[in-house]
């Protein structure tokens, strides 16, 4: 009786060990697959290191049009799926000298 109880306990440990090994292999394979999936690390405008796809298919831009303009020039504007801005209060007032030497003022 005693011998079979020891054998059962030993088998449990072997099974647990094999489960840990299999889970570890699956975890390493998953991480390796994610690393090889085509991502790259870039530094964003805040100075933070972020991971992005190597070739993004969809982009959301939060600026006042500069990035959308650059993407249009590069021919990838079809990847923009949303635009946004921080929407500050804008009070426009510009003054330009005219050809006659006078000053032209534009407001609002």
C-alpha atoms as a PDB file:
ATOM      1  CA  UNK A   1       0.000   0.000   0.000  1.00  0.00           C
ATOM      2  CA  UNK A   2       2.693   2.401   0.965  1.00  0.00           C
ATOM      3  CA  UNK A   3       4.572   1.869  -2.267  1.00  0.00           C
ATOM      4  CA  UNK A   4       1.573   2.733  -4.457  1.00  0.00           C
ATOM      5  CA  UNK A   5       0.913   5.929  -2.462  1.00  0.00           C
ATOM      6  CA  UNK A   6       4.469   7.086  -3.066  1.00  0.00           C
ATOM      7  CA  UNK A   7       4.132   6.264  -6.771  1.00  0.00           C
ATOM      8  CA  UNK A   8       0.899   8.310  -7.031  1.00  0.00           C
ATOM      9  CA  UNK A   9       2.526  11.320  -5.338  1.00  0.00           C
ATOM     10  CA  UNK A  10       5.542  11.032  -7.635  1.00  0.00           C
ATOM     11  CA  UNK A  11       3.274  10.898 -10.690  1.00  0.00           C
ATOM     12  CA  UNK A  12       1.474  14.070  -9.530  1.00  0.00           C
ATOM     13  CA  UNK A  13       4.766  15.923  -9.313  1.00  0.00           C
ATOM     14  CA  UNK A  14       5.812  14.699 -12.755  1.00  0.00           C
ATOM     15  CA  UNK A  15       2.482  15.837 -14.226  1.00  0.00           C
ATOM     16  CA  UNK A  16       2.757  19.243 -12.526  1.00  0.00           C
ATOM     17  CA  UNK A  17       6.329  19.615 -13.751  1.00  0.00           C
ATOM     18  CA  UNK A  18       5.311  18.761 -17.310  1.00  0.00           C
ATOM     19  CA  UNK A  19       2.460  21.284 -17.152  1.00  0.00           C
ATOM     20  CA  UNK A  20       4.878  24.010 -16.032  1.00  0.00           C
ATOM     21  CA  UNK A  21       7.314  23.123 -18.826  1.00  0.00           C
ATOM     22  CA  UNK A  22       4.565  23.116 -21.473  1.00  0.00           C
ATOM     23  CA  UNK A  23       3.152  26.443 -20.235  1.00  0.00           C
ATOM     24  CA  UNK A  24       6.633  27.966 -20.217  1.00  0.00           C
ATOM     25  CA  UNK A  25       7.283  26.850 -23.789  1.00  0.00           C
ATOM     26  CA  UNK A  26       3.910  28.256 -24.891  1.00  0.00           C
ATOM     27  CA  UNK A  27       4.645  31.556 -23.156  1.00  0.00           C
ATOM     28  CA  UNK A  28       8.085  31.906 -24.737  1.00  0.00           C
ATOM     29  CA  UNK A  29       6.670  30.990 -28.156  1.00  0.00           C
ATOM     30  CA  UNK A  30       3.924  33.591 -27.764  1.00  0.00           C
ATOM     31  CA  UNK A  31       6.357  36.322 -26.775  1.00  0.00           C
ATOM     32  CA  UNK A  32       8.695  35.419 -29.631  1.00  0.00           C
ATOM     33  CA  UNK A  33       5.765  35.463 -32.045  1.00  0.00           C
ATOM     34  CA  UNK A  34       4.705  38.898 -30.848  1.00  0.00           C
ATOM     35  CA  UNK A  35       8.247  40.211 -31.189  1.00  0.00           C
ATOM     36  CA  UNK A  36       8.504  38.900 -34.731  1.00  0.00           C
ATOM     37  CA  UNK A  37       5.043  40.179 -35.679  1.00  0.00           C
ATOM     38  CA  UNK A  38       6.421  43.404 -37.097  1.00  0.00           C
ATOM     39  CA  UNK A  39       6.459  45.947 -34.301  1.00  0.00           C
ATOM     40  CA  UNK A  40       8.970  48.667 -33.567  1.00  0.00           C
ATOM     41  CA  UNK A  41       9.724  51.010 -30.698  1.00  0.00           C
ATOM     42  CA  UNK A  42       9.491  54.770 -31.239  1.00  0.00           C
ATOM     43  CA  UNK A  43       9.707  57.811 -28.993  1.00  0.00           C
ATOM     44  CA  UNK A  44       6.512  59.863 -29.037  1.00  0.00           C
ATOM     45  CA  UNK A  45       6.181  63.652 -28.644  1.00  0.00           C
ATOM     46  CA  UNK A  46       6.076  63.264 -24.849  1.00  0.00           C
ATOM     47  CA  UNK A  47       9.454  61.542 -24.866  1.00  0.00           C
ATOM     48  CA  UNK A  48       7.912  58.158 -23.978  1.00  0.00           C
ATOM     49  CA  UNK A  49       9.036  54.944 -25.662  1.00  0.00           C
ATOM     50  CA  UNK A  50       6.028  53.189 -27.224  1.00  0.00           C
ATOM     51  CA  UNK A  51       5.605  50.050 -29.306  1.00  0.00           C
ATOM     52  CA  UNK A  52       3.756  50.438 -32.604  1.00  0.00           C
ATOM     53  CA  UNK A  53       3.137  48.199 -35.623  1.00  0.00           C
ATOM     54  CA  UNK A  54       5.949  48.342 -38.177  1.00  0.00           C
ATOM     55  CA  UNK A  55       3.449  49.303 -40.868  1.00  0.00           C
ATOM     56  CA  UNK A  56       0.310  50.837 -39.310  1.00  0.00           C
ATOM     57  CA  UNK A  57      -2.875  50.296 -41.309  1.00  0.00           C
ATOM     58  CA  UNK A  58      -5.043  52.765 -39.336  1.00  0.00           C
ATOM     59  CA  UNK A  59      -4.031  56.096 -37.769  1.00  0.00           C
ATOM     60  CA  UNK A  60      -5.765  58.604 -35.512  1.00  0.00           C
ATOM     61  CA  UNK A  61      -4.082  62.009 -35.520  1.00  0.00           C
ATOM     62  CA  UNK A  62      -4.547  64.615 -32.799  1.00  0.00           C
ATOM     63  CA  UNK A  63      -3.092  67.856 -34.135  1.00  0.00           C
ATOM     64  CA  UNK A  64      -4.069  70.969 -36.069  1.00  0.00           C
ATOM     65  CA  UNK A  65      -3.521  69.496 -39.531  1.00  0.00           C
ATOM     66  CA  UNK A  66       0.253  69.211 -39.841  1.00  0.00           C
ATOM     67  CA  UNK A  67       0.393  65.414 -39.601  1.00  0.00           C
ATOM     68  CA  UNK A  68      -2.604  64.956 -41.915  1.00  0.00           C
ATOM     69  CA  UNK A  69      -0.906  67.258 -44.431  1.00  0.00           C
ATOM     70  CA  UNK A  70       2.366  65.336 -44.283  1.00  0.00           C
ATOM     71  CA  UNK A  71       0.521  62.029 -44.667  1.00  0.00           C
ATOM     72  CA  UNK A  72      -1.287  63.439 -47.707  1.00  0.00           C
ATOM     73  CA  UNK A  73       2.013  64.461 -49.292  1.00  0.00           C
ATOM     74  CA  UNK A  74       3.407  60.973 -48.585  1.00  0.00           C
ATOM     75  CA  UNK A  75       0.336  59.393 -50.182  1.00  0.00           C
ATOM     76  CA  UNK A  76      -0.862  57.494 -47.092  1.00  0.00           C
ATOM     77  CA  UNK A  77      -3.817  59.705 -46.159  1.00  0.00           C
ATOM     78  CA  UNK A  78      -6.189  56.755 -46.651  1.00  0.00           C
ATOM     79  CA  UNK A  79      -4.857  55.293 -43.390  1.00  0.00           C
ATOM     80  CA  UNK A  80      -6.281  58.201 -41.359  1.00  0.00           C
ATOM     81  CA  UNK A  81      -9.490  56.998 -39.712  1.00  0.00           C
ATOM     82  CA  UNK A  82     -10.055  59.919 -37.313  1.00  0.00           C
ATOM     83  CA  UNK A  83      -8.864  63.481 -36.770  1.00  0.00           C
ATOM     84  CA  UNK A  84      -8.827  65.541 -33.616  1.00  0.00           C
ATOM     85  CA  UNK A  85      -7.456  68.688 -32.074  1.00  0.00           C
ATOM     86  CA  UNK A  86      -7.073  70.198 -28.649  1.00  0.00           C
ATOM     87  CA  UNK A  87      -9.409  73.010 -29.801  1.00  0.00           C
ATOM     88  CA  UNK A  88      -7.921  76.059 -28.076  1.00  0.00           C
ATOM     89  CA  UNK A  89      -9.780  79.331 -28.140  1.00  0.00           C
ATOM     90  CA  UNK A  90      -8.614  81.051 -31.295  1.00  0.00           C
ATOM     91  CA  UNK A  91      -8.763  84.778 -31.723  1.00  0.00           C
ATOM     92  CA  UNK A  92      -7.252  85.693 -35.046  1.00  0.00           C
ATOM     93  CA  UNK A  93      -5.710  89.082 -35.699  1.00  0.00           C
ATOM     94  CA  UNK A  94      -3.294  89.533 -38.570  1.00  0.00           C
ATOM     95  CA  UNK A  95      -1.781  92.646 -40.100  1.00  0.00           C
ATOM     96  CA  UNK A  96      -0.169  92.685 -43.540  1.00  0.00           C
ATOM     97  CA  UNK A  97       1.502  95.468 -45.475  1.00  0.00           C
ATOM     98  CA  UNK A  98      -0.206  95.973 -48.830  1.00  0.00           C
ATOM     99  CA  UNK A  99       1.412  96.748 -52.178  1.00  0.00           C
ATOM    100  CA  UNK A 100       0.451 100.412 -51.690  1.00  0.00           C
ATOM    101  CA  UNK A 101       2.378 100.551 -48.414  1.00  0.00           C
ATOM    102  CA  UNK A 102      -0.741 100.617 -46.284  1.00  0.00           C
ATOM    103  CA  UNK A 103      -1.554  98.081 -43.616  1.00  0.00           C
ATOM    104  CA  UNK A 104      -4.356  95.549 -43.927  1.00  0.00           C
ATOM    105  CA  UNK A 105      -5.701  94.075 -40.679  1.00  0.00           C
ATOM    106  CA  UNK A 106      -7.799  90.917 -40.436  1.00  0.00           C
ATOM    107  CA  UNK A 107      -9.681  90.136 -37.219  1.00  0.00           C
ATOM    108  CA  UNK A 108     -11.646  87.024 -36.260  1.00  0.00           C
END
